[in-house]
Structures are given as C-alpha cells and as structure tokens.
Amino acid sequence: MAPGVKTVNFVSNNLGINANLLLVFDDDSKAGLYKDYYPSAFAVRKFGAKNIYRSPIIYRTQLAFTKVVISDDIIQSASTEVPINVGQSTILSLEDEIYSFSDPKTDGLVPRNNIRCTNNVPFKEDIGVGFIEEEGDVPRTALVWRGVAHGRKLDAEFIPRLRGYIDINPYKENGVIKAPIGTDRLFNQDLNTLHKESTWVITYDASNGVFFKCWLPSITDMYSICAVSMSFSSCKPIPFVVQLVF
C-alpha cells in the first residue's frame, strides 16, 4: 500500500504580533513520554506581525527508524536510517565503525500497531522514530529514545498527533524536548483524521492577548487569504485559545 500524505498549512494575515509556532508530535496517551523517550521540536515557524505568512507541514505515513546523532540536545543528523512498516522489526548493528539497520521483516512478536528495533550494538545508543516526507528524502525524526541498551527490543507505536504551541521562549528546531511544554496548546490534531490538505488560520486578539486558530475548509489559493477577514465570522472556529502572560 502506498504511503498516505497529509499537508497541514498554517497561515496568518497581519497577525498584529510576532509569534513563534512550535510544532511537536508529543502524544501522551502512551506511557513513558519524557522518561523513556522524548519528542523533538519538529518545526519552529515564525509568523510576523504584518503581511501574510504560510507554513506547510507534510506528514507521510512511511515510518522510519533513525540512528540519530545528538549534540547539546539538538538532533544533528541521522547517521543511517531504514524505512519500516507497522508489524515489522529491524536490528541495529555496528561493524567497522559503521552503523546499519537490517532489512525490516514482518515479525509476529511485534506488538499490534508497533514497529521494533533491536539494538545489537555493544553500547547504549540513541534511536529515533520518524517518517519520510517524500520518497528518497532523509527521515524527519519526531521521537527519540536515549541510551537504548545493548540487546533491548525497542517497540514503538507512532501516533501522528501534531500539537502546536505559541512559544514565548522558542525552542530550537530539532531540539530534544525533555519536559512538558509550559504553554497552552493552540493546535491538537491526529493527522490521520484530517483531509489530504487542510488550512488553519492563526489570529490574535490584541485587546485580551489571546491567540485563536480556525479552520478554513475551502481556501486553495495562497492569494485568497488576502481576501479573508480574520474573524470567526469568516471561518469555522475551533475552541482552542492561548493566553500569553508577559
């Protein structure tokens, strides 16, 4: 089955304030978040006070394991990676100082909806889980397991629940997030439930210092945003607000 692709567009028009949108796959429905594994600052996007800003996020259901290189809590790169499908397993090995993953195989011992990587390297290793945005691209790491011990079987279920935060003190993109983010969520969607492409407008109520988001179901042309009044009378509101305290 060909991987599915979802495009999520975040748009602002004369927002009235400079803002940083932090986007993270930090679904906390599974145990171990911020203890066994950590989300990355998947994207940090800037929206200016004036003019139109548009920032697309692409999600593709082709999952991957990555052997990540982390320095100063920033994911610098993946030294190697392997595309993998749900129900498959792979083995991470080291030979002649070169890391490699084995070809994934269907494995009846892998828990339902999971992928599995066994660390066969005789050291603790940092292993990531992410997805490949376009065929042939390097995977984007969304979650990281730090210090996976030799012989450990890492089972991971990746739920593409994308959450967005207006961040006063911006994280660095690809940074490892070690604790829950201290601002309210502006965006919270399982990308599997969205249409192939969706557009979300960010607005700001200067009188109350409150950010809103609303969904525009029919805008397909970037320049059409210019004609849209950024108010709840022109789009379907979603009940999320963020109060900024300075």
C-alpha atoms as a PDB file:
ATOM      1  CA  MET A   1       0.000   0.000   0.000  1.00  0.00           C
ATOM      2  CA  ALA A   2       1.387   3.408  -0.986  1.00  0.00           C
ATOM      3  CA  PRO A   3       2.062   5.752   1.936  1.00  0.00           C
ATOM      4  CA  GLY A   4      -0.597   8.389   2.559  1.00  0.00           C
ATOM      5  CA  VAL A   5       0.339  12.067   2.586  1.00  0.00           C
ATOM      6  CA  LYS A   6      -1.230  14.890   4.596  1.00  0.00           C
ATOM      7  CA  THR A   7      -0.402  18.583   4.185  1.00  0.00           C
ATOM      8  CA  VAL A   8      -1.295  20.955   7.005  1.00  0.00           C
ATOM      9  CA  ASN A   9      -0.992  24.672   6.187  1.00  0.00           C
ATOM     10  CA  PHE A  10      -0.662  27.266   8.945  1.00  0.00           C
ATOM     11  CA  VAL A  11      -1.472  30.786   7.764  1.00  0.00           C
ATOM     12  CA  SER A  12      -1.614  34.274   9.266  1.00  0.00           C
ATOM     13  CA  ASN A  13      -2.548  37.627   7.756  1.00  0.00           C
ATOM     14  CA  ASN A  14      -1.497  40.801   9.592  1.00  0.00           C
ATOM     15  CA  LEU A  15      -1.318  38.882  12.846  1.00  0.00           C
ATOM     16  CA  GLY A  16      -0.520  42.014  14.838  1.00  0.00           C
ATOM     17  CA  ILE A  17       2.326  40.443  16.809  1.00  0.00           C
ATOM     18  CA  ASN A  18       5.441  38.446  16.004  1.00  0.00           C
ATOM     19  CA  ALA A  19       4.910  34.828  17.072  1.00  0.00           C
ATOM     20  CA  ASN A  20       6.770  31.517  17.068  1.00  0.00           C
ATOM     21  CA  LEU A  21       4.727  28.375  16.428  1.00  0.00           C
ATOM     22  CA  LEU A  22       6.296  25.246  17.917  1.00  0.00           C
ATOM     23  CA  LEU A  23       5.012  22.006  16.358  1.00  0.00           C
ATOM     24  CA  VAL A  24       5.596  18.724  18.182  1.00  0.00           C
ATOM     25  CA  PHE A  25       4.447  15.106  17.976  1.00  0.00           C
ATOM     26  CA  ASP A  26       4.062  14.785  21.747  1.00  0.00           C
ATOM     27  CA  ASP A  27       1.122  12.419  22.067  1.00  0.00           C
ATOM     28  CA  ASP A  28       0.990  11.424  25.721  1.00  0.00           C
ATOM     29  CA  SER A  29      -1.543   8.607  25.512  1.00  0.00           C
ATOM     30  CA  LYS A  30       1.279   6.060  25.819  1.00  0.00           C
ATOM     31  CA  ALA A  31       3.365   5.657  28.971  1.00  0.00           C
ATOM     32  CA  GLY A  32       6.971   6.759  29.109  1.00  0.00           C
ATOM     33  CA  LEU A  33       6.924  10.195  27.466  1.00  0.00           C
ATOM     34  CA  TYR A  34       9.712  12.374  28.958  1.00  0.00           C
ATOM     35  CA  LYS A  35      11.019   9.300  30.778  1.00  0.00           C
ATOM     36  CA  ASP A  36      11.783   6.603  28.213  1.00  0.00           C
ATOM     37  CA  TYR A  37      11.531   8.736  25.094  1.00  0.00           C
ATOM     38  CA  TYR A  38      11.316  12.389  24.119  1.00  0.00           C
ATOM     39  CA  PRO A  39       9.706  14.412  21.332  1.00  0.00           C
ATOM     40  CA  SER A  40      11.747  16.655  19.097  1.00  0.00           C
ATOM     41  CA  ALA A  41      10.928  20.255  18.283  1.00  0.00           C
ATOM     42  CA  PHE A  42       9.716  19.041  14.927  1.00  0.00           C
ATOM     43  CA  ALA A  43       9.210  22.512  13.469  1.00  0.00           C
ATOM     44  CA  VAL A  44       9.595  26.058  14.752  1.00  0.00           C
ATOM     45  CA  ARG A  45       7.880  28.501  12.401  1.00  0.00           C
ATOM     46  CA  LYS A  46       7.846  32.275  12.651  1.00  0.00           C
ATOM     47  CA  PHE A  47       4.803  34.409  11.865  1.00  0.00           C
ATOM     48  CA  GLY A  48       5.279  38.148  11.504  1.00  0.00           C
ATOM     49  CA  ALA A  49       3.038  40.930  12.786  1.00  0.00           C
ATOM     50  CA  LYS A  50       2.368  42.226   9.269  1.00  0.00           C
ATOM     51  CA  ASN A  51       1.661  40.644   5.897  1.00  0.00           C
ATOM     52  CA  ILE A  52       0.810  37.050   5.042  1.00  0.00           C
ATOM     53  CA  TYR A  53       2.737  34.074   6.377  1.00  0.00           C
ATOM     54  CA  ARG A  54       2.169  30.491   5.346  1.00  0.00           C
ATOM     55  CA  SER A  55       3.951  27.432   6.687  1.00  0.00           C
ATOM     56  CA  PRO A  56       3.111  23.928   5.408  1.00  0.00           C
ATOM     57  CA  ILE A  57       3.794  20.732   7.353  1.00  0.00           C
ATOM     58  CA  ILE A  58       3.895  17.487   5.379  1.00  0.00           C
ATOM     59  CA  TYR A  59       3.193  14.142   7.010  1.00  0.00           C
ATOM     60  CA  ARG A  60       3.690  10.861   5.147  1.00  0.00           C
ATOM     61  CA  THR A  61       2.737   7.550   6.688  1.00  0.00           C
ATOM     62  CA  GLN A  62       6.039   5.905   5.709  1.00  0.00           C
ATOM     63  CA  LEU A  63       7.702   5.379   9.095  1.00  0.00           C
ATOM     64  CA  ALA A  64      11.443   5.001   9.701  1.00  0.00           C
ATOM     65  CA  PHE A  65      13.944   4.199  12.417  1.00  0.00           C
ATOM     66  CA  THR A  66      16.920   6.571  12.594  1.00  0.00           C
ATOM     67  CA  LYS A  67      20.305   6.229  14.285  1.00  0.00           C
ATOM     68  CA  VAL A  68      20.436   9.803  15.466  1.00  0.00           C
ATOM     69  CA  VAL A  69      23.444  11.930  16.329  1.00  0.00           C
ATOM     70  CA  ILE A  70      22.643  14.330  19.188  1.00  0.00           C
ATOM     71  CA  SER A  71      24.836  17.198  20.346  1.00  0.00           C
ATOM     72  CA  ASP A  72      23.832  19.689  23.052  1.00  0.00           C
ATOM     73  CA  ASP A  73      20.315  18.203  22.962  1.00  0.00           C
ATOM     74  CA  ILE A  74      19.963  19.022  19.253  1.00  0.00           C
ATOM     75  CA  ILE A  75      19.400  16.248  16.707  1.00  0.00           C
ATOM     76  CA  GLN A  76      22.226  16.997  14.282  1.00  0.00           C
ATOM     77  CA  SER A  77      21.642  14.229  11.785  1.00  0.00           C
ATOM     78  CA  ALA A  78      20.836  10.580  11.278  1.00  0.00           C
ATOM     79  CA  SER A  79      23.944   8.537  10.524  1.00  0.00           C
ATOM     80  CA  THR A  80      21.735   5.883   8.993  1.00  0.00           C
ATOM     81  CA  GLU A  81      18.041   5.042   8.747  1.00  0.00           C
ATOM     82  CA  VAL A  82      15.635   2.417   7.488  1.00  0.00           C
ATOM     83  CA  PRO A  83      12.041   2.734   6.264  1.00  0.00           C
ATOM     84  CA  ILE A  84       9.790   0.345   8.163  1.00  0.00           C
ATOM     85  CA  ASN A  85       6.120  -0.606   8.254  1.00  0.00           C
ATOM     86  CA  VAL A  86       3.871  -1.413  11.191  1.00  0.00           C
ATOM     87  CA  GLY A  87       4.349  -5.033  12.274  1.00  0.00           C
ATOM     88  CA  GLN A  88       7.964  -5.193  11.099  1.00  0.00           C
ATOM     89  CA  SER A  89      11.257  -5.403  13.005  1.00  0.00           C
ATOM     90  CA  THR A  90      14.852  -4.458  12.289  1.00  0.00           C
ATOM     91  CA  ILE A  91      18.235  -4.825  14.021  1.00  0.00           C
ATOM     92  CA  LEU A  92      20.756  -2.026  14.569  1.00  0.00           C
ATOM     93  CA  SER A  93      24.363  -3.237  14.207  1.00  0.00           C
ATOM     94  CA  LEU A  94      27.865  -1.765  14.169  1.00  0.00           C
ATOM     95  CA  GLU A  95      30.638  -3.191  12.015  1.00  0.00           C
ATOM     96  CA  ASP A  96      33.927  -1.495  11.119  1.00  0.00           C
ATOM     97  CA  GLU A  97      32.620   1.634  12.904  1.00  0.00           C
ATOM     98  CA  ILE A  98      29.665   1.804  10.514  1.00  0.00           C
ATOM     99  CA  TYR A  99      26.089   1.636  11.808  1.00  0.00           C
ATOM    100  CA  SER A 100      23.446  -0.192   9.816  1.00  0.00           C
ATOM    101  CA  PHE A 101      19.874  -1.428  10.155  1.00  0.00           C
ATOM    102  CA  SER A 102      18.902  -4.844   8.833  1.00  0.00           C
ATOM    103  CA  ASP A 103      16.188  -5.091   6.208  1.00  0.00           C
ATOM    104  CA  PRO A 104      12.835  -4.945   8.025  1.00  0.00           C
ATOM    105  CA  LYS A 105      10.872  -8.175   8.223  1.00  0.00           C
ATOM    106  CA  THR A 106       7.323  -8.935   9.267  1.00  0.00           C
ATOM    107  CA  ASP A 107       7.527 -10.168  12.853  1.00  0.00           C
ATOM    108  CA  GLY A 108       4.650 -11.799  14.703  1.00  0.00           C
ATOM    109  CA  LEU A 109       6.231 -10.890  18.035  1.00  0.00           C
ATOM    110  CA  VAL A 110       5.932  -7.147  17.415  1.00  0.00           C
ATOM    111  CA  PRO A 111       3.027  -5.700  19.433  1.00  0.00           C
ATOM    112  CA  ARG A 112      -0.003  -4.533  17.484  1.00  0.00           C
ATOM    113  CA  ASN A 113       0.436  -1.169  15.709  1.00  0.00           C
ATOM    114  CA  ASN A 114       4.130  -1.120  16.644  1.00  0.00           C
ATOM    115  CA  ILE A 115       7.473  -1.206  14.898  1.00  0.00           C
ATOM    116  CA  ARG A 116      10.512  -2.813  16.568  1.00  0.00           C
ATOM    117  CA  CYS A 117      14.245  -2.163  16.601  1.00  0.00           C
ATOM    118  CA  THR A 118      16.684  -4.405  18.492  1.00  0.00           C
ATOM    119  CA  ASN A 119      19.968  -2.763  19.485  1.00  0.00           C
ATOM    120  CA  ASN A 120      22.707  -5.243  18.624  1.00  0.00           C
ATOM    121  CA  VAL A 121      25.450  -2.650  19.146  1.00  0.00           C
ATOM    122  CA  PRO A 122      27.516  -3.366  22.304  1.00  0.00           C
ATOM    123  CA  PHE A 123      26.854   0.138  23.607  1.00  0.00           C
ATOM    124  CA  LYS A 124      23.909   2.284  24.573  1.00  0.00           C
ATOM    125  CA  GLU A 125      22.591   4.099  21.523  1.00  0.00           C
ATOM    126  CA  ASP A 126      20.179   6.933  20.711  1.00  0.00           C
ATOM    127  CA  ILE A 127      17.472   5.728  18.334  1.00  0.00           C
ATOM    128  CA  GLY A 128      14.795   7.837  16.689  1.00  0.00           C
ATOM    129  CA  VAL A 129      11.424   7.212  15.113  1.00  0.00           C
ATOM    130  CA  GLY A 130      10.100   9.454  12.396  1.00  0.00           C
ATOM    131  CA  PHE A 131       8.726   9.458   8.889  1.00  0.00           C
ATOM    132  CA  ILE A 132       9.830  10.163   5.339  1.00  0.00           C
ATOM    133  CA  GLU A 133       8.101  13.259   3.938  1.00  0.00           C
ATOM    134  CA  GLU A 134       8.903  12.471   0.305  1.00  0.00           C
ATOM    135  CA  GLU A 135      10.267   9.302  -1.263  1.00  0.00           C
ATOM    136  CA  GLY A 136      14.046   9.419  -1.248  1.00  0.00           C
ATOM    137  CA  ASP A 137      14.241  12.066   1.480  1.00  0.00           C
ATOM    138  CA  VAL A 138      16.073  11.674   4.765  1.00  0.00           C
ATOM    139  CA  PRO A 139      13.529  10.837   7.510  1.00  0.00           C
ATOM    140  CA  ARG A 140      12.406  13.543   9.922  1.00  0.00           C
ATOM    141  CA  THR A 141      12.913  12.305  13.485  1.00  0.00           C
ATOM    142  CA  ALA A 142       9.888  13.002  15.675  1.00  0.00           C
ATOM    143  CA  LEU A 143      10.653  10.905  18.789  1.00  0.00           C
ATOM    144  CA  VAL A 144      13.964   9.876  20.376  1.00  0.00           C
ATOM    145  CA  TRP A 145      14.872   7.066  22.768  1.00  0.00           C
ATOM    146  CA  ARG A 146      18.098   7.992  24.608  1.00  0.00           C
ATOM    147  CA  GLY A 147      20.612   5.375  25.715  1.00  0.00           C
ATOM    148  CA  VAL A 148      18.925   2.235  24.393  1.00  0.00           C
ATOM    149  CA  ALA A 149      20.840  -0.645  25.980  1.00  0.00           C
ATOM    150  CA  HIS A 150      22.525  -3.479  24.104  1.00  0.00           C
ATOM    151  CA  GLY A 151      20.032  -6.252  23.394  1.00  0.00           C
ATOM    152  CA  ARG A 152      16.980  -4.142  24.131  1.00  0.00           C
ATOM    153  CA  LYS A 153      13.976  -4.518  21.871  1.00  0.00           C
ATOM    154  CA  LEU A 154      12.542  -1.059  21.300  1.00  0.00           C
ATOM    155  CA  ASP A 155       8.836  -1.256  20.439  1.00  0.00           C
ATOM    156  CA  ALA A 156       7.309   1.996  19.231  1.00  0.00           C
ATOM    157  CA  GLU A 157       3.805   2.987  18.212  1.00  0.00           C
ATOM    158  CA  PHE A 158       3.863   6.287  16.368  1.00  0.00           C
ATOM    159  CA  ILE A 159       0.609   8.239  16.650  1.00  0.00           C
ATOM    160  CA  PRO A 160       0.752  11.295  14.349  1.00  0.00           C
ATOM    161  CA  ARG A 161      -0.897  13.650  16.827  1.00  0.00           C
ATOM    162  CA  LEU A 162       0.552  17.032  15.946  1.00  0.00           C
ATOM    163  CA  ARG A 163       0.365  19.688  18.627  1.00  0.00           C
ATOM    164  CA  GLY A 164       1.167  23.361  18.240  1.00  0.00           C
ATOM    165  CA  TYR A 165       2.206  25.878  20.868  1.00  0.00           C
ATOM    166  CA  ILE A 166       2.750  29.617  20.689  1.00  0.00           C
ATOM    167  CA  ASP A 167       6.193  29.755  22.233  1.00  0.00           C
ATOM    168  CA  ILE A 168       7.437  32.856  24.044  1.00  0.00           C
ATOM    169  CA  ASN A 169      10.910  31.355  24.522  1.00  0.00           C
ATOM    170  CA  PRO A 170      11.374  29.474  21.258  1.00  0.00           C
ATOM    171  CA  TYR A 171      12.910  26.026  21.150  1.00  0.00           C
ATOM    172  CA  LYS A 172      15.489  25.282  18.505  1.00  0.00           C
ATOM    173  CA  GLU A 173      14.181  23.189  15.640  1.00  0.00           C
ATOM    174  CA  ASN A 174      15.173  19.517  16.066  1.00  0.00           C
ATOM    175  CA  GLY A 175      15.890  20.096  19.745  1.00  0.00           C
ATOM    176  CA  VAL A 176      15.111  17.270  22.180  1.00  0.00           C
ATOM    177  CA  ILE A 177      12.269  18.389  24.477  1.00  0.00           C
ATOM    178  CA  LYS A 178      12.886  16.992  27.962  1.00  0.00           C
ATOM    179  CA  ALA A 179       9.755  18.120  29.807  1.00  0.00           C
ATOM    180  CA  PRO A 180       6.142  19.095  29.042  1.00  0.00           C
ATOM    181  CA  ILE A 181       5.851  22.418  27.238  1.00  0.00           C
ATOM    182  CA  GLY A 182       4.747  25.178  29.580  1.00  0.00           C
ATOM    183  CA  THR A 183       2.268  26.980  27.333  1.00  0.00           C
ATOM    184  CA  ASP A 184      -1.268  26.007  26.355  1.00  0.00           C
ATOM    185  CA  ARG A 185      -1.830  24.146  23.114  1.00  0.00           C
ATOM    186  CA  LEU A 186      -3.089  26.068  20.124  1.00  0.00           C
ATOM    187  CA  PHE A 187      -3.324  23.048  17.832  1.00  0.00           C
ATOM    188  CA  ASN A 188      -4.050  19.400  18.644  1.00  0.00           C
ATOM    189  CA  GLN A 189      -4.931  17.053  15.789  1.00  0.00           C
ATOM    190  CA  ASP A 190      -4.386  13.433  14.850  1.00  0.00           C
ATOM    191  CA  LEU A 191      -3.240  13.941  11.260  1.00  0.00           C
ATOM    192  CA  ASN A 192      -4.803  10.626  10.226  1.00  0.00           C
ATOM    193  CA  THR A 193      -8.238  12.194  10.792  1.00  0.00           C
ATOM    194  CA  LEU A 194      -7.653  15.246   8.574  1.00  0.00           C
ATOM    195  CA  HIS A 195      -8.309  15.684   4.874  1.00  0.00           C
ATOM    196  CA  LYS A 196      -5.421  15.308   2.452  1.00  0.00           C
ATOM    197  CA  GLU A 197      -4.849  19.064   2.755  1.00  0.00           C
ATOM    198  CA  SER A 198      -6.137  21.451   5.399  1.00  0.00           C
ATOM    199  CA  THR A 199      -5.562  25.118   6.193  1.00  0.00           C
ATOM    200  CA  TRP A 200      -5.549  26.600   9.678  1.00  0.00           C
ATOM    201  CA  VAL A 201      -5.505  30.351  10.264  1.00  0.00           C
ATOM    202  CA  ILE A 202      -3.824  31.820  13.333  1.00  0.00           C
ATOM    203  CA  THR A 203      -5.302  35.056  14.676  1.00  0.00           C
ATOM    204  CA  TYR A 204      -4.523  37.265  17.639  1.00  0.00           C
ATOM    205  CA  ASP A 205      -6.857  39.300  19.853  1.00  0.00           C
ATOM    206  CA  ALA A 206      -4.633  42.161  20.969  1.00  0.00           C
ATOM    207  CA  SER A 207      -7.176  43.507  23.469  1.00  0.00           C
ATOM    208  CA  ASN A 208      -7.027  40.303  25.517  1.00  0.00           C
ATOM    209  CA  GLY A 209      -3.612  38.959  24.476  1.00  0.00           C
ATOM    210  CA  VAL A 210      -5.237  35.759  23.222  1.00  0.00           C
ATOM    211  CA  PHE A 211      -4.363  33.633  20.187  1.00  0.00           C
ATOM    212  CA  PHE A 212      -7.022  31.716  18.292  1.00  0.00           C
ATOM    213  CA  LYS A 213      -6.980  29.249  15.436  1.00  0.00           C
ATOM    214  CA  CYS A 214      -9.731  28.492  12.956  1.00  0.00           C
ATOM    215  CA  TRP A 215     -10.160  26.074  10.112  1.00  0.00           C
ATOM    216  CA  LEU A 216     -10.738  27.215   6.530  1.00  0.00           C
ATOM    217  CA  PRO A 217     -12.163  24.319   4.529  1.00  0.00           C
ATOM    218  CA  SER A 218     -12.123  25.809   1.041  1.00  0.00           C
ATOM    219  CA  ILE A 219      -9.091  28.060   0.555  1.00  0.00           C
ATOM    220  CA  THR A 220      -6.775  26.566  -2.034  1.00  0.00           C
ATOM    221  CA  ASP A 221      -5.099  29.659  -3.443  1.00  0.00           C
ATOM    222  CA  MET A 222      -2.486  31.400  -1.306  1.00  0.00           C
ATOM    223  CA  TYR A 223      -3.597  34.818  -2.505  1.00  0.00           C
ATOM    224  CA  SER A 224      -7.185  34.121  -1.485  1.00  0.00           C
ATOM    225  CA  ILE A 225      -6.026  34.537   2.098  1.00  0.00           C
ATOM    226  CA  CYS A 226      -5.742  38.271   1.401  1.00  0.00           C
ATOM    227  CA  ALA A 227      -9.487  38.498   0.950  1.00  0.00           C
ATOM    228  CA  VAL A 228     -10.367  36.597   4.088  1.00  0.00           C
ATOM    229  CA  SER A 229     -11.357  38.611   7.142  1.00  0.00           C
ATOM    230  CA  MET A 230      -9.524  37.036  10.056  1.00  0.00           C
ATOM    231  CA  SER A 231     -12.518  36.747  12.320  1.00  0.00           C
ATOM    232  CA  PHE A 232     -14.811  33.971  13.411  1.00  0.00           C
ATOM    233  CA  SER A 233     -17.487  35.269  11.049  1.00  0.00           C
ATOM    234  CA  SER A 234     -15.438  34.038   8.084  1.00  0.00           C
ATOM    235  CA  CYS A 235     -14.295  30.612   9.228  1.00  0.00           C
ATOM    236  CA  LYS A 236     -15.275  27.718  11.392  1.00  0.00           C
ATOM    237  CA  PRO A 237     -13.919  28.319  14.909  1.00  0.00           C
ATOM    238  CA  ILE A 238     -12.106  25.654  16.849  1.00  0.00           C
ATOM    239  CA  PRO A 239     -12.285  26.082  20.631  1.00  0.00           C
ATOM    240  CA  PHE A 240      -8.612  26.461  21.459  1.00  0.00           C
ATOM    241  CA  VAL A 241      -7.174  29.680  22.824  1.00  0.00           C
ATOM    242  CA  VAL A 242      -3.774  30.591  24.167  1.00  0.00           C
ATOM    243  CA  GLN A 243      -3.377  33.308  26.756  1.00  0.00           C
ATOM    244  CA  LEU A 244       0.062  34.852  26.799  1.00  0.00           C
ATOM    245  CA  VAL A 245       1.310  36.227  30.091  1.00  0.00           C
ATOM    246  CA  PHE A 246       4.253  38.603  29.816  1.00  0.00           C
END
